[in-house]
Amino acid sequence: MVDTTIKLIGPPTRQQDAKGVWRTTAETVTEVFAQVGSVSRNEYFSAGRQGMRPEIMFSVFMGEYDGQQICEYNGTRYAIYRTYHPEGTDYLELYVQRETGVHKASESEVDEP
């Protein structure tokens, strides 16, 4: 496995400001340390039967993952389709695939206060 950093990306949210106007906030981006590993043959074929195309497995500290469904590695965004907690560890494995519709929020999608 290779040590690196990845970005865990939470979705934009809508919040009401002090004047009662609803605004869309930017994505929440959290940079975390991760180990990059390959997807096992079993994982590849099991996911493939369900129409997924797994590409990479990241191992991150459990306390840093908060249910995000998108991550970014080397400038490419991936959808997190499955997580796994190996017994007896403080780490969580994130299994990812490239997916259409997983993109950066454009400036026009975010309301500035």
C-alpha atoms as a PDB file:
ATOM      1  CA  MET A   1       0.000   0.000   0.000  1.00  0.00           C
ATOM      2  CA  VAL A   2       1.071   3.577  -0.711  1.00  0.00           C
ATOM      3  CA  ASP A   3       0.681   6.439   1.795  1.00  0.00           C
ATOM      4  CA  THR A   4      -0.947   9.593   0.416  1.00  0.00           C
ATOM      5  CA  THR A   5      -3.679  12.126   1.096  1.00  0.00           C
ATOM      6  CA  ILE A   6      -7.192  12.165  -0.311  1.00  0.00           C
ATOM      7  CA  LYS A   7     -10.051  14.632  -0.031  1.00  0.00           C
ATOM      8  CA  LEU A   8     -13.340  13.443   1.437  1.00  0.00           C
ATOM      9  CA  ILE A   9     -16.133  15.574   0.003  1.00  0.00           C
ATOM     10  CA  GLY A  10     -19.476  16.231   1.648  1.00  0.00           C
ATOM     11  CA  PRO A  11     -22.400  17.576  -0.368  1.00  0.00           C
ATOM     12  CA  PRO A  12     -23.420  21.224  -0.529  1.00  0.00           C
ATOM     13  CA  THR A  13     -26.073  22.070   2.050  1.00  0.00           C
ATOM     14  CA  ARG A  14     -28.874  24.613   2.299  1.00  0.00           C
ATOM     15  CA  GLN A  15     -28.978  26.906   5.303  1.00  0.00           C
ATOM     16  CA  GLN A  16     -31.137  29.829   6.260  1.00  0.00           C
ATOM     17  CA  ASP A  17     -29.260  33.078   6.908  1.00  0.00           C
ATOM     18  CA  ALA A  18     -30.096  35.715   9.560  1.00  0.00           C
ATOM     19  CA  LYS A  19     -32.615  37.364   7.198  1.00  0.00           C
ATOM     20  CA  GLY A  20     -34.433  34.088   6.532  1.00  0.00           C
ATOM     21  CA  VAL A  21     -33.056  33.627   3.017  1.00  0.00           C
ATOM     22  CA  TRP A  22     -32.112  30.055   2.079  1.00  0.00           C
ATOM     23  CA  ARG A  23     -28.580  29.768   0.720  1.00  0.00           C
ATOM     24  CA  THR A  24     -26.614  26.876  -0.728  1.00  0.00           C
ATOM     25  CA  THR A  25     -23.201  26.444   0.860  1.00  0.00           C
ATOM     26  CA  ALA A  26     -20.089  25.068  -0.807  1.00  0.00           C
ATOM     27  CA  GLU A  27     -19.074  21.432  -0.506  1.00  0.00           C
ATOM     28  CA  THR A  28     -17.352  20.359   2.682  1.00  0.00           C
ATOM     29  CA  VAL A  29     -13.824  19.185   1.828  1.00  0.00           C
ATOM     30  CA  THR A  30     -11.705  17.327   4.389  1.00  0.00           C
ATOM     31  CA  GLU A  31      -8.154  16.304   3.496  1.00  0.00           C
ATOM     32  CA  VAL A  32      -7.102  13.079   5.245  1.00  0.00           C
ATOM     33  CA  PHE A  33      -4.168  10.685   5.195  1.00  0.00           C
ATOM     34  CA  ALA A  34      -4.885   7.402   3.461  1.00  0.00           C
ATOM     35  CA  GLN A  35      -3.241   4.250   2.243  1.00  0.00           C
ATOM     36  CA  VAL A  36      -3.976   3.385  -1.365  1.00  0.00           C
ATOM     37  CA  GLY A  37      -4.496  -0.255  -2.202  1.00  0.00           C
ATOM     38  CA  SER A  38      -5.745  -2.270  -5.092  1.00  0.00           C
ATOM     39  CA  VAL A  39      -9.155  -3.895  -5.175  1.00  0.00           C
ATOM     40  CA  SER A  40      -9.079  -7.648  -4.624  1.00  0.00           C
ATOM     41  CA  ARG A  41     -10.185  -9.992  -7.377  1.00  0.00           C
ATOM     42  CA  ASN A  42     -13.141 -11.108  -5.250  1.00  0.00           C
ATOM     43  CA  GLU A  43     -14.246  -7.493  -4.647  1.00  0.00           C
ATOM     44  CA  TYR A  44     -13.893  -6.683  -8.328  1.00  0.00           C
ATOM     45  CA  PHE A  45     -16.090  -9.564  -9.479  1.00  0.00           C
ATOM     46  CA  SER A  46     -18.634  -9.234  -6.635  1.00  0.00           C
ATOM     47  CA  ALA A  47     -19.101  -5.526  -7.358  1.00  0.00           C
ATOM     48  CA  GLY A  48     -19.128  -6.198 -11.101  1.00  0.00           C
ATOM     49  CA  ARG A  49     -22.129  -8.494 -10.708  1.00  0.00           C
ATOM     50  CA  GLN A  50     -23.982  -5.505  -9.238  1.00  0.00           C
ATOM     51  CA  GLY A  51     -23.048  -3.217 -12.123  1.00  0.00           C
ATOM     52  CA  MET A  52     -20.148  -1.442 -10.402  1.00  0.00           C
ATOM     53  CA  ARG A  53     -16.577  -0.956 -11.632  1.00  0.00           C
ATOM     54  CA  PRO A  54     -14.341  -0.757  -8.575  1.00  0.00           C
ATOM     55  CA  GLU A  55     -11.000   0.941  -9.127  1.00  0.00           C
ATOM     56  CA  ILE A  56      -9.241   1.714  -5.849  1.00  0.00           C
ATOM     57  CA  MET A  57      -9.415   0.918  -2.145  1.00  0.00           C
ATOM     58  CA  PHE A  58      -8.414   3.606   0.370  1.00  0.00           C
ATOM     59  CA  SER A  59      -7.776   2.880   4.033  1.00  0.00           C
ATOM     60  CA  VAL A  60      -8.497   5.872   6.311  1.00  0.00           C
ATOM     61  CA  PHE A  61      -8.670   6.412  10.072  1.00  0.00           C
ATOM     62  CA  MET A  62     -12.263   5.780  11.211  1.00  0.00           C
ATOM     63  CA  GLY A  63     -12.499   9.069  13.100  1.00  0.00           C
ATOM     64  CA  GLU A  64     -11.907  11.057   9.916  1.00  0.00           C
ATOM     65  CA  TYR A  65     -14.700   9.518   7.844  1.00  0.00           C
ATOM     66  CA  ASP A  66     -18.174  10.969   8.311  1.00  0.00           C
ATOM     67  CA  GLY A  67     -20.281   9.229   5.686  1.00  0.00           C
ATOM     68  CA  GLN A  68     -19.045  11.216   2.687  1.00  0.00           C
ATOM     69  CA  GLN A  69     -20.013   9.666  -0.641  1.00  0.00           C
ATOM     70  CA  ILE A  70     -17.341  11.292  -2.803  1.00  0.00           C
ATOM     71  CA  CYS A  71     -13.558  11.439  -2.562  1.00  0.00           C
ATOM     72  CA  GLU A  72     -10.867  13.024  -4.695  1.00  0.00           C
ATOM     73  CA  TYR A  73      -7.470  11.491  -5.408  1.00  0.00           C
ATOM     74  CA  ASN A  74      -4.856  12.965  -7.776  1.00  0.00           C
ATOM     75  CA  GLY A  75      -7.450  15.410  -9.140  1.00  0.00           C
ATOM     76  CA  THR A  76     -10.001  12.699 -10.009  1.00  0.00           C
ATOM     77  CA  ARG A  77     -13.310  12.342  -8.193  1.00  0.00           C
ATOM     78  CA  TYR A  78     -14.623   8.937  -7.213  1.00  0.00           C
ATOM     79  CA  ALA A  79     -17.903   7.707  -5.759  1.00  0.00           C
ATOM     80  CA  ILE A  80     -17.546   5.713  -2.532  1.00  0.00           C
ATOM     81  CA  TYR A  81     -19.805   2.704  -3.064  1.00  0.00           C
ATOM     82  CA  ARG A  82     -18.848   0.595  -0.022  1.00  0.00           C
ATOM     83  CA  THR A  83     -17.033   0.840   3.300  1.00  0.00           C
ATOM     84  CA  TYR A  84     -15.595  -1.973   5.395  1.00  0.00           C
ATOM     85  CA  HIS A  85     -14.165  -1.978   8.916  1.00  0.00           C
ATOM     86  CA  PRO A  86     -11.540  -4.731   9.311  1.00  0.00           C
ATOM     87  CA  GLU A  87     -11.980  -6.273  12.750  1.00  0.00           C
ATOM     88  CA  GLY A  88      -9.471  -5.169  15.378  1.00  0.00           C
ATOM     89  CA  THR A  89      -8.344  -2.013  13.552  1.00  0.00           C
ATOM     90  CA  ASP A  90      -9.012   1.717  13.765  1.00  0.00           C
ATOM     91  CA  TYR A  91      -9.233   1.967   9.993  1.00  0.00           C
ATOM     92  CA  LEU A  92     -12.025   1.928   7.467  1.00  0.00           C
ATOM     93  CA  GLU A  93     -11.621   0.697   3.899  1.00  0.00           C
ATOM     94  CA  LEU A  94     -13.311   2.857   1.261  1.00  0.00           C
ATOM     95  CA  TYR A  95     -14.049   1.157  -2.056  1.00  0.00           C
ATOM     96  CA  VAL A  96     -14.445   3.623  -4.914  1.00  0.00           C
ATOM     97  CA  GLN A  97     -15.350   3.831  -8.574  1.00  0.00           C
ATOM     98  CA  ARG A  98     -15.432   6.590 -11.167  1.00  0.00           C
ATOM     99  CA  GLU A  99     -18.978   7.637 -11.805  1.00  0.00           C
ATOM    100  CA  THR A 100     -20.748  10.136 -14.016  1.00  0.00           C
ATOM    101  CA  GLY A 101     -22.326  12.947 -12.076  1.00  0.00           C
ATOM    102  CA  VAL A 102     -19.524  13.056  -9.491  1.00  0.00           C
ATOM    103  CA  HIS A 103     -18.138  16.502 -10.207  1.00  0.00           C
ATOM    104  CA  LYS A 104     -17.171  19.715  -8.548  1.00  0.00           C
ATOM    105  CA  ALA A 105     -19.991  22.126  -7.743  1.00  0.00           C
ATOM    106  CA  SER A 106     -19.772  24.977 -10.205  1.00  0.00           C
ATOM    107  CA  GLU A 107     -19.686  28.532  -8.967  1.00  0.00           C
ATOM    108  CA  SER A 108     -23.254  29.064 -10.265  1.00  0.00           C
ATOM    109  CA  GLU A 109     -24.552  26.283  -7.998  1.00  0.00           C
ATOM    110  CA  VAL A 110     -23.310  27.970  -4.801  1.00  0.00           C
ATOM    111  CA  ASP A 111     -25.047  31.059  -3.382  1.00  0.00           C
ATOM    112  CA  GLU A 112     -22.706  33.580  -1.812  1.00  0.00           C
ATOM    113  CA  PRO A 113     -24.021  35.287   1.356  1.00  0.00           C
END
